[in-house]
Protein backbone atom coordinates (compact mmCIF):
# COMPACT_ATOMS: atom_id res chain seq x y z
CA MET A 1 11.20 1.66 28.27
CA SER A 2 11.61 4.54 25.86
CA ILE A 3 10.19 5.60 22.52
CA SER A 4 12.87 7.39 20.54
CA ASN A 5 12.46 8.73 17.04
CA GLN A 6 16.23 9.14 16.95
CA ASN A 7 16.63 5.37 16.44
CA LEU A 8 14.34 5.04 13.41
CA LYS A 9 15.98 3.62 10.30
CA PHE A 10 14.64 3.38 6.76
CA TYR A 11 16.06 1.45 3.84
CA ASN A 12 16.83 4.19 1.32
CA SER A 13 16.57 2.93 -2.27
CA LEU A 14 18.81 5.81 -3.34
CA THR A 15 21.79 4.53 -1.33
CA SER A 16 20.71 0.86 -1.12
CA SER A 17 21.27 0.91 2.64
CA LYS A 18 19.50 1.44 5.93
CA GLU A 19 19.95 4.95 7.23
CA ILE A 20 19.03 6.76 10.43
CA PHE A 21 16.02 8.92 9.64
CA LYS A 22 16.95 12.59 10.00
CA PRO A 23 14.08 14.87 8.95
CA ILE A 24 14.76 18.25 7.38
CA ASN A 25 12.53 19.88 9.99
CA LYS A 26 12.68 18.32 13.46
CA SER A 27 8.94 18.48 14.07
CA ARG A 28 7.36 18.32 10.60
CA ILE A 29 7.80 15.69 7.88
CA GLY A 30 6.94 15.93 4.19
CA MET A 31 5.95 12.61 2.58
CA TYR A 32 4.87 12.13 -1.03
CA VAL A 33 3.47 8.80 -2.24
CA CYS A 34 2.61 8.02 -5.87
CA GLY A 35 -1.12 7.31 -5.97
CA PRO A 36 -3.33 5.43 -8.42
CA THR A 37 -4.06 6.01 -12.09
CA VAL A 38 -7.84 6.04 -11.95
CA TYR A 39 -8.73 4.21 -15.15
CA ASN A 40 -9.88 0.96 -13.55
CA THR A 41 -10.64 -0.66 -10.19
CA VAL A 42 -7.54 -0.80 -8.01
CA HIS A 43 -6.29 -4.39 -7.59
CA LEU A 44 -4.94 -5.91 -4.40
CA GLY A 45 -1.31 -5.59 -5.49
CA ASN A 46 -1.73 -1.81 -5.75
CA CYS A 47 -3.37 -1.76 -2.32
CA ARG A 48 -0.27 -3.23 -0.68
CA THR A 49 1.66 -0.04 -1.44
CA PHE A 50 -0.97 2.22 0.11
CA ILE A 51 -1.39 -0.07 3.14
CA SER A 52 2.40 -0.04 3.69
CA PHE A 53 2.65 3.75 3.58
CA ASP A 54 -0.38 4.07 5.83
CA LEU A 55 1.59 2.05 8.39
CA ILE A 56 4.67 4.26 7.93
CA TYR A 57 2.49 7.36 8.34
CA ARG A 58 0.86 5.93 11.47
CA TYR A 59 4.19 5.07 13.07
CA LEU A 60 5.76 8.45 12.31
CA LYS A 61 2.69 10.09 13.83
CA HIS A 62 2.87 7.81 16.86
CA ILE A 63 6.48 8.72 17.65
CA GLY A 64 5.68 12.41 17.62
CA TYR A 65 6.04 13.80 14.12
CA ASP A 66 3.60 16.15 12.42
CA ILE A 67 3.28 15.01 8.80
CA ARG A 68 2.09 16.51 5.56
CA TYR A 69 1.19 13.40 3.58
CA VAL A 70 0.61 14.01 -0.14
CA ARG A 71 -0.72 11.22 -2.37
CA ASN A 72 -1.64 12.12 -5.93
CA ILE A 73 -4.37 10.97 -8.29
CA THR A 74 -3.23 10.43 -11.90
CA ASP A 75 -6.18 11.40 -14.07
CA VAL A 76 -4.38 12.39 -17.28
CA GLY A 77 -1.16 11.72 -19.16
CA HIS A 78 -0.48 8.09 -18.25
CA LEU A 79 0.01 6.54 -21.69
CA GLU A 80 -0.25 2.87 -22.60
CA GLU A 81 3.20 1.33 -23.01
CA ASN A 82 4.57 1.85 -26.54
CA SER A 83 1.58 3.95 -27.54
CA ASP A 84 0.10 7.45 -27.51
CA ASP A 85 -3.16 6.14 -26.03
CA ASP A 86 -3.97 7.59 -22.61
CA LYS A 87 -5.18 4.85 -20.23
CA ILE A 88 -8.16 6.92 -19.12
CA LEU A 89 -9.22 7.78 -22.67
CA LYS A 90 -8.97 4.12 -23.64
CA ARG A 91 -11.25 3.14 -20.73
CA ALA A 92 -13.67 5.98 -21.59
CA LYS A 93 -14.09 4.53 -25.09
CA ILE A 94 -14.66 1.02 -23.71
CA GLU A 95 -17.30 2.19 -21.21
CA ASN A 96 -18.77 4.88 -23.46
CA LEU A 97 -18.21 7.56 -20.81
CA GLU A 98 -16.66 11.00 -20.67
CA PRO A 99 -13.02 10.74 -19.47
CA MET A 100 -13.84 12.68 -16.29
CA GLU A 101 -16.73 10.28 -15.61
CA VAL A 102 -14.18 7.47 -15.70
CA VAL A 103 -11.92 9.46 -13.36
CA GLN A 104 -14.75 10.13 -10.91
CA LYS A 105 -16.04 6.55 -10.99
CA TYR A 106 -12.70 4.94 -10.25
CA SER A 107 -11.58 7.65 -7.81
CA ASN A 108 -14.74 6.93 -5.80
CA GLU A 109 -14.04 3.18 -5.93
CA PHE A 110 -10.45 3.75 -4.84
CA HIS A 111 -11.52 5.83 -1.83
CA GLU A 112 -14.14 3.25 -0.84
CA ILE A 113 -11.52 0.49 -0.84
CA MET A 114 -9.06 2.62 1.17
CA GLU A 115 -11.84 3.28 3.70
CA LYS A 116 -12.61 -0.44 4.01
CA PHE A 117 -8.93 -1.01 4.80
CA SER A 118 -9.21 1.77 7.44
CA LEU A 119 -6.40 3.79 5.88
CA VAL A 120 -5.77 7.34 7.04
CA LYS A 121 -6.66 9.92 4.39
CA PRO A 122 -3.68 11.91 3.04
CA SER A 123 -3.31 15.55 4.03
CA ILE A 124 -3.54 16.57 0.37
CA GLU A 125 -4.68 14.49 -2.61
CA PRO A 126 -3.91 16.56 -5.72
CA THR A 127 -4.91 15.55 -9.25
CA ALA A 128 -2.75 15.87 -12.36
CA SER A 129 -5.55 17.61 -14.30
CA GLY A 130 -5.90 20.17 -11.50
CA HIS A 131 -2.24 21.21 -11.75
CA ILE A 132 -1.69 21.90 -15.45
CA PRO A 133 -0.30 25.46 -14.84
CA GLU A 134 2.32 24.12 -12.39
CA GLN A 135 3.39 21.47 -14.89
CA ILE A 136 3.66 23.98 -17.75
CA GLU A 137 5.77 26.24 -15.52
CA MET A 138 8.13 23.38 -14.72
CA ILE A 139 8.50 22.47 -18.41
CA GLU A 140 9.41 26.08 -19.20
CA GLU A 141 12.12 25.96 -16.52
CA ILE A 142 13.53 22.67 -17.87
CA ILE A 143 13.65 24.10 -21.42
CA SER A 144 15.28 27.28 -20.12
CA ASN A 145 17.98 25.21 -18.40
CA GLY A 146 18.77 23.38 -21.62
CA HIS A 147 17.41 19.94 -20.76
CA ALA A 148 14.29 19.80 -22.95
CA TYR A 149 13.29 20.64 -26.52
CA GLU A 150 10.09 21.24 -28.47
CA LYS A 151 9.31 19.32 -31.65
CA ASN A 152 6.08 19.64 -33.62
CA GLY A 153 4.16 20.89 -30.58
CA SER A 154 5.43 18.23 -28.18
CA VAL A 155 8.18 18.74 -25.59
CA TYR A 156 10.70 16.04 -24.71
CA PHE A 157 13.22 15.73 -21.90
CA ASP A 158 16.74 15.57 -23.37
CA LEU A 159 18.48 12.78 -21.48
CA ASN A 160 21.79 13.27 -23.29
CA SER A 161 21.92 16.93 -22.32
CA PHE A 162 20.84 16.16 -18.74
CA SER A 163 23.45 13.42 -18.36
CA ASN A 164 26.22 15.86 -19.18
CA ASP A 165 25.39 17.70 -15.94
CA PHE A 166 23.75 15.05 -13.72
CA ASP A 167 23.68 11.31 -13.14
CA TYR A 168 20.50 9.81 -14.62
CA GLY A 169 19.33 6.44 -13.26
CA LYS A 170 20.90 6.80 -9.81
CA LEU A 171 17.79 5.37 -8.16
CA SER A 172 17.28 2.26 -10.31
CA LYS A 173 21.07 1.88 -10.77
CA ARG A 174 20.74 1.97 -14.56
CA ASN A 175 23.29 3.84 -16.62
CA LEU A 176 22.42 5.90 -19.68
CA ASP A 177 23.82 3.35 -22.12
CA ASP A 178 21.48 0.68 -20.74
CA VAL A 179 18.53 3.06 -21.02
CA ILE A 180 19.47 3.93 -24.61
CA ASN A 181 19.69 0.26 -25.57
CA GLU A 182 16.32 -0.54 -23.95
CA SER A 183 14.66 2.48 -25.55
CA ARG A 184 15.81 1.65 -29.07
CA LYS A 185 13.81 -1.58 -28.90
CA LEU A 186 10.68 0.42 -28.00
CA GLU A 187 11.12 3.45 -30.23
CA ASN A 188 7.89 4.55 -31.86
CA VAL A 189 8.02 8.37 -31.89
CA SER A 190 9.86 10.01 -34.76
CA ASP A 191 9.70 13.47 -33.12
CA LYS A 192 12.32 12.58 -30.53
CA LYS A 193 15.99 13.47 -31.00
CA ASN A 194 16.82 10.24 -29.19
CA PRO A 195 14.67 7.16 -28.38
CA GLN A 196 15.42 7.39 -24.65
CA ASP A 197 13.97 10.91 -24.32
CA PHE A 198 10.61 11.05 -22.56
CA ALA A 199 7.60 13.30 -23.03
CA LEU A 200 7.00 16.34 -20.84
CA TRP A 201 4.14 17.61 -23.03
CA LYS A 202 2.31 15.85 -25.83
CA LYS A 203 0.52 17.60 -28.65
CA ALA A 204 -3.00 16.19 -28.72
CA ALA A 205 -4.54 14.70 -31.82
CA ASP A 206 -7.86 16.18 -32.92
CA LYS A 207 -9.75 13.18 -31.51
CA HIS A 208 -8.04 13.54 -28.12
CA ILE A 209 -10.60 14.81 -25.58
CA MET A 210 -8.43 15.73 -22.59
CA LYS A 211 -6.27 18.64 -23.71
CA TRP A 212 -5.18 22.06 -22.51
CA ASN A 213 -3.60 25.20 -23.96
CA SER A 214 0.13 25.57 -23.55
CA PRO A 215 2.94 27.65 -25.15
CA TRP A 216 3.68 24.72 -27.46
CA SER A 217 0.33 23.24 -28.47
CA LEU A 218 -3.10 22.15 -27.41
CA GLY A 219 -2.10 19.03 -25.53
CA PHE A 220 -1.54 17.29 -22.22
CA PRO A 221 1.35 16.66 -19.80
CA GLY A 222 3.52 13.56 -19.60
CA TRP A 223 2.96 11.12 -16.75
CA HIS A 224 6.27 11.67 -14.93
CA LEU A 225 5.85 15.43 -14.73
CA GLU A 226 2.83 15.61 -12.43
CA CYS A 227 4.59 14.20 -9.35
CA SER A 228 7.55 16.56 -9.72
CA ALA A 229 5.29 19.59 -10.06
CA MET A 230 2.87 18.67 -7.28
CA SER A 231 5.47 17.51 -4.75
CA ARG A 232 7.31 20.81 -5.26
CA LYS A 233 4.12 22.83 -4.82
CA TYR A 234 3.02 21.17 -1.58
CA LEU A 235 6.29 19.99 -0.01
CA GLY A 236 8.92 22.32 -1.46
CA GLU A 237 12.02 21.68 -3.53
CA LYS A 238 13.39 19.32 -0.88
CA PHE A 239 11.32 17.05 1.36
CA ASP A 240 11.83 13.97 3.49
CA ILE A 241 10.19 10.85 2.02
CA HIS A 242 9.11 9.85 -1.46
CA GLY A 243 7.36 6.50 -1.72
CA GLY A 244 5.79 4.14 -4.21
CA GLY A 245 5.79 0.60 -5.54
CA ILE A 246 9.05 -0.99 -6.66
CA ASP A 247 7.79 -1.01 -10.25
CA LEU A 248 7.93 2.82 -10.23
CA LYS A 249 11.69 3.04 -9.58
CA PHE A 250 12.32 3.00 -13.31
CA PRO A 251 11.40 4.94 -15.25
CA HIS A 252 8.93 6.99 -13.22
CA HIS A 253 11.02 7.88 -10.17
CA ASP A 254 14.27 8.20 -12.12
CA CYS A 255 12.47 10.67 -14.40
CA GLU A 256 11.06 12.58 -11.43
CA ILE A 257 14.56 13.02 -10.02
CA ALA A 258 15.84 14.18 -13.42
CA GLN A 259 13.05 16.74 -13.80
CA CYS A 260 13.65 18.17 -10.32
CA GLU A 261 17.42 18.30 -10.74
CA SER A 262 16.88 20.09 -14.06
CA THR A 263 14.91 22.85 -12.34
CA ASN A 264 16.10 22.94 -8.73
CA LYS A 265 19.50 21.21 -9.04
CA LYS A 266 18.30 18.98 -6.17
CA ASN A 267 17.11 15.42 -5.75
CA PRO A 268 13.63 16.18 -4.35
CA ALA A 269 13.61 13.62 -1.50
CA ASN A 270 16.16 12.52 1.08
CA TYR A 271 14.65 9.04 1.50
CA TRP A 272 13.19 6.97 -1.35
CA LEU A 273 11.09 4.08 -0.01
CA HIS A 274 9.68 1.30 -2.19
CA THR A 275 7.24 -1.49 -1.46
CA ASN A 276 7.66 -4.85 -3.12
CA MET A 277 5.14 -6.76 -5.21
CA LEU A 278 2.21 -8.86 -4.09
CA THR A 279 2.15 -11.93 -6.32
CA LEU A 280 -0.66 -14.33 -7.16
CA ASN A 281 0.12 -17.89 -8.18
CA GLY A 282 3.79 -16.96 -7.94
CA LYS A 283 3.46 -14.30 -10.67
CA LYS A 284 3.25 -10.51 -10.63
CA MET A 285 -0.28 -9.26 -10.13
CA SER A 286 -1.24 -7.47 -13.32
CA LYS A 287 -4.42 -6.69 -15.20
CA SER A 288 -2.61 -6.93 -18.53
CA THR A 289 -1.89 -10.64 -17.90
CA ASN A 290 -5.26 -11.25 -16.19
CA ASN A 291 -3.39 -12.42 -13.09
CA PHE A 292 -4.98 -10.24 -10.43
CA ILE A 293 -7.68 -10.13 -7.78
CA LEU A 294 -9.77 -7.18 -6.68
CA PRO A 295 -10.15 -6.40 -2.96
CA GLN A 296 -13.95 -6.61 -3.05
CA GLU A 297 -13.74 -10.11 -4.57
CA ILE A 298 -11.89 -11.23 -1.44
CA PHE A 299 -14.24 -9.41 0.94
CA ASP A 300 -17.27 -10.99 -0.77
CA GLY A 301 -15.72 -14.42 -1.33
CA ASN A 302 -16.68 -14.09 -4.98
CA ASN A 303 -13.53 -15.30 -6.73
CA LYS A 304 -11.91 -18.41 -8.16
CA PHE A 305 -8.81 -18.31 -5.96
CA PHE A 306 -10.09 -18.56 -2.36
CA GLU A 307 -12.59 -20.89 -0.72
CA LYS A 308 -14.22 -18.25 1.48
CA SER A 309 -14.43 -14.52 2.09
CA PHE A 310 -11.83 -12.64 4.14
CA SER A 311 -12.29 -9.28 5.85
CA PRO A 312 -10.10 -6.23 5.09
CA ASN A 313 -8.67 -6.68 8.60
CA ILE A 314 -7.41 -10.17 7.78
CA VAL A 315 -6.04 -9.16 4.38
CA LYS A 316 -4.05 -6.34 6.02
CA PHE A 317 -2.77 -8.66 8.76
CA PHE A 318 -1.69 -11.11 6.05
CA MET A 319 0.29 -8.37 4.30
CA TYR A 320 2.12 -7.51 7.51
CA GLN A 321 3.41 -11.11 7.75
CA ALA A 322 6.08 -10.05 5.25
CA HIS A 323 8.29 -6.96 5.35
CA TYR A 324 7.06 -4.22 3.03
CA ARG A 325 10.26 -4.55 0.96
CA SER A 326 9.81 -8.33 0.52
CA GLN A 327 7.82 -10.00 -2.21
CA LEU A 328 4.69 -11.70 -0.89
CA ASP A 329 2.55 -14.38 -2.54
CA ILE A 330 -1.13 -14.50 -1.64
CA SER A 331 -2.89 -17.85 -1.33
CA ASN A 332 -5.93 -19.42 0.31
CA ASP A 333 -3.80 -21.21 2.92
CA ALA A 334 -1.90 -18.02 3.78
CA LEU A 335 -5.13 -16.08 4.34
CA LEU A 336 -6.60 -18.90 6.45
CA ALA A 337 -3.46 -18.93 8.60
CA SER A 338 -3.62 -15.14 8.98
CA GLU A 339 -7.28 -15.32 9.99
CA LYS A 340 -6.53 -17.97 12.61
CA GLY A 341 -3.56 -15.97 13.92
CA PHE A 342 -5.42 -12.68 14.18
CA LYS A 343 -8.40 -14.29 15.90
CA LYS A 344 -5.99 -15.69 18.49
CA ILE A 345 -4.56 -12.20 19.12
CA GLU A 346 -8.07 -10.76 19.32
CA LYS A 347 -9.20 -13.44 21.77
CA ALA A 348 -6.15 -12.81 23.97
CA PHE A 349 -6.82 -9.06 23.96
CA PHE A 350 -10.36 -9.52 25.25
CA LEU A 351 -9.16 -12.00 27.89
CA ILE A 352 -6.88 -9.47 29.56
CA ASP A 353 -9.59 -7.80 31.70
CA ASP A 354 -10.56 -11.18 33.20
CA LEU A 355 -7.03 -12.23 34.19
CA LYS A 356 -6.48 -12.83 37.91
CA VAL A 357 -4.02 -10.40 39.40
CA SER A 358 -1.09 -11.50 41.58
CA LYS A 359 1.53 -9.56 43.50
CA SER A 360 4.23 -10.40 40.95
CA CYS A 361 4.55 -10.87 37.19
CA ASP A 362 6.34 -13.66 35.32
CA PHE A 363 6.88 -11.50 32.22
CA ASN A 364 9.12 -8.45 31.70
CA CYS A 365 6.67 -6.07 30.04
CA ASP A 366 9.07 -3.16 29.65
CA SER A 367 11.62 -5.34 27.88
CA TRP A 368 8.89 -6.68 25.59
CA ILE A 369 7.67 -3.18 24.70
CA ASP A 370 11.24 -2.09 23.95
CA LYS A 371 11.66 -5.03 21.58
CA CYS A 372 8.48 -4.06 19.75
CA TYR A 373 9.76 -0.52 19.22
CA GLN A 374 13.22 -1.78 18.20
CA ASN A 375 11.62 -3.82 15.43
CA LEU A 376 9.44 -0.95 14.28
CA ASN A 377 12.46 1.36 14.28
CA ASP A 378 14.31 -1.17 12.12
CA ASP A 379 12.70 -0.11 8.83
CA ILE A 380 9.19 -0.96 10.11
CA ASN A 381 9.84 -4.69 10.54
CA THR A 382 6.28 -5.98 10.88
CA PRO A 383 7.10 -9.75 10.76
CA LYS A 384 9.27 -9.35 13.88
CA LEU A 385 6.68 -7.11 15.53
CA ILE A 386 4.01 -9.76 14.94
CA ALA A 387 6.33 -12.40 16.46
CA ASN A 388 6.61 -10.11 19.52
CA ILE A 389 2.83 -9.84 19.67
CA PHE A 390 2.45 -13.63 19.68
CA GLU A 391 4.89 -13.76 22.62
CA ILE A 392 2.53 -11.68 24.72
CA VAL A 393 -0.49 -13.64 23.44
CA LYS A 394 1.12 -16.87 24.66
CA PHE A 395 1.75 -15.27 28.07
CA ILE A 396 -1.89 -14.09 28.33
CA PHE A 397 -3.19 -17.62 27.71
CA GLU A 398 -0.71 -19.04 30.25
CA VAL A 399 -1.97 -16.59 32.86
CA LYS A 400 -5.55 -17.53 32.00
CA ASN A 401 -4.68 -21.21 32.54
CA ASP A 402 -2.93 -20.45 35.87
CA LYS A 403 0.50 -21.37 34.52
CA MET A 404 1.89 -17.83 34.90
CA LYS A 405 1.25 -14.80 37.12
CA ILE A 406 0.55 -11.17 36.25
CA ASP A 407 0.37 -8.10 38.46
CA LYS A 408 -2.01 -5.18 38.12
CA GLU A 409 0.50 -2.75 36.59
CA SER A 410 1.64 -5.27 33.95
CA LYS A 411 -1.95 -6.15 33.10
CA THR A 412 -2.74 -2.50 32.33
CA LYS A 413 0.52 -2.03 30.46
CA ILE A 414 -0.03 -5.10 28.26
CA LYS A 415 -3.57 -4.13 27.33
CA ASN A 416 -2.59 -0.55 26.47
CA SER A 417 0.47 -1.64 24.50
CA LEU A 418 -1.40 -4.29 22.52
CA SER A 419 -3.97 -1.67 21.58
CA VAL A 420 -1.22 0.74 20.50
CA PHE A 421 0.73 -1.77 18.39
CA VAL A 422 -2.23 -3.55 16.80
CA GLU A 423 -4.92 -0.86 16.55
CA GLU A 424 -3.09 2.48 16.46
CA ILE A 425 0.06 1.53 14.52
CA LEU A 426 -0.92 -1.49 12.40
CA GLY A 427 -4.38 -0.01 11.90
CA LEU A 428 -6.21 -3.29 12.63
CA ASN A 429 -9.53 -3.43 14.43
CA PHE A 430 -10.28 -5.58 17.47
CA THR A 431 -13.94 -6.59 17.42
CA LYS A 432 -15.50 -8.41 20.34
CA LYS A 433 -17.93 -11.07 19.16
CA SER A 434 -21.57 -10.48 19.93
CA SER A 435 -23.78 -13.24 21.30
CA VAL A 436 -25.28 -13.58 17.81
CA ASP A 437 -21.82 -14.17 16.31
CA LEU A 438 -21.08 -16.76 18.99
CA ASP A 439 -24.40 -18.51 18.32
CA VAL A 440 -23.58 -18.78 14.63
CA ASP A 441 -20.10 -20.14 15.41
CA LEU A 442 -21.55 -22.72 17.81
CA ILE A 443 -24.09 -23.87 15.23
CA GLU A 444 -21.32 -24.24 12.64
CA LEU A 445 -19.27 -26.23 15.15
CA VAL A 446 -22.16 -28.60 15.91
CA LYS A 447 -22.79 -29.06 12.18
CA GLU A 448 -19.11 -29.82 11.65
CA ILE A 449 -19.13 -32.43 14.44
CA ARG A 450 -22.25 -34.00 12.95
CA ASN A 451 -20.65 -34.27 9.51
CA ILE A 452 -17.62 -35.98 11.04
CA GLU A 453 -19.90 -38.50 12.76
CA ARG A 454 -21.84 -39.11 9.52
CA ASP A 455 -18.59 -39.77 7.68
CA LYS A 456 -17.77 -42.33 10.39
CA LYS A 457 -21.24 -43.87 9.71
CA ASN A 458 -22.26 -43.07 13.29
CA TYR A 459 -25.81 -42.40 12.12
CA GLU A 460 -27.41 -42.69 15.56
CA LEU A 461 -25.47 -39.70 16.90
CA SER A 462 -25.64 -37.68 13.67
CA ASP A 463 -29.42 -38.16 13.47
CA LEU A 464 -29.78 -37.14 17.11
CA ILE A 465 -27.86 -33.88 16.44
CA ARG A 466 -29.96 -33.20 13.33
CA ASP A 467 -33.24 -33.78 15.16
CA ARG A 468 -32.23 -31.60 18.13
CA LEU A 469 -31.16 -28.78 15.79
CA ASN A 470 -34.41 -29.08 13.85
CA SER A 471 -36.38 -28.85 17.11
CA LEU A 472 -34.57 -25.55 17.79
CA GLY A 473 -35.65 -24.19 14.42
CA ILE A 474 -32.31 -24.85 12.70
CA ASN A 475 -33.33 -27.02 9.79
CA ILE A 476 -30.86 -29.50 8.37
CA GLU A 477 -31.76 -31.74 5.44
CA ASP A 478 -29.59 -34.61 4.30
CA ASN A 479 -29.59 -34.36 0.53
CA LYS A 480 -27.18 -33.90 -2.32
């Protein structure tokens, strides 16, 4: 058995292929992940991205890397599509709050949700509003290199000029002609030389609250700029991994690459990793279409989609049933199946200490551990890892039922490895049931049996169960 970080492969969106991971620095990795725009409560689809990169962070850490993990907070500059309305300002008007009150409120909510999912905090969590000087400096460099222009106090990135020197759209695989055609349909800013140009700095209207001094006007930065400026500040001109949701490939990540190549003549990241969408009812989860669910609504069971509540642990385990690059549809049945599956793993884990030890073992533990690492090294293939975990769960139950044998060394190895794969790497929590929890489960089981007997019109037995429960202080009344 061996753990080798030399065998790790990631699917690189830039090359559309799996590549052996070769960090710039052998011992230290730089990873930047696009964080939330804090204008509203984060929905479950957004959470999938952060859960996926938490797993990637955990695994890189496990195999020996030191990591600087940067995840930003967008608190200014993210405009509504086809409009000059900032998302945070729009929410501030709706809630009658100061923009920074909105930012603080939803940043706090975001952190609370991440904590409930037991996600590791990033090394640095910079905000766009806290890095205005860095963004202004980058704009000045882009203008100086001939790839941006100022018009009426706003500054725009000149895609035609840039495309004479570099290849725009290499990440999303769009060519400039396609971008031009798409942009013409959306054109709404007369200041631009060309409809496909995007804002680096916007002159603020008098009514605009969030604005800063700059060489061009009193205004605010464009959305794409913050990630380029902050990744460069904290990770350098070239770093290892840039991550985000698949919906950010275009235009956000294509624009980031363009900005960095305009200043540094370098694509900022060697590996671009993207998580796929979490869908609901077979459709993209989106607040604009009202097809979304909030994490707390699942934890509380207070929603129209699911029949009961599910813990953050179970929701995470459900997400790992699909590869992070695959689309995943959430449903009541899928969550119920995930809950049943995880409880089986948990039960097996707590059975290990009680297994009878023999002189030999009917299971090759080293081979099993190697398979687990092979699947993790294959672009973090969690569905295959979970299949491996169920292999060992089956073996544990067979040993418990005297159908298989286990020796002392294998018993220790299995318990330690299960803890590593499930708790340390997947970030899930094993919780042994207390006697109170077991009592509640037993009561629910007896009630369920009684209801079955009532449905069969076996009233003698169902009445007996009711009366015995009532005598124990568990009151059951048969009414509508």
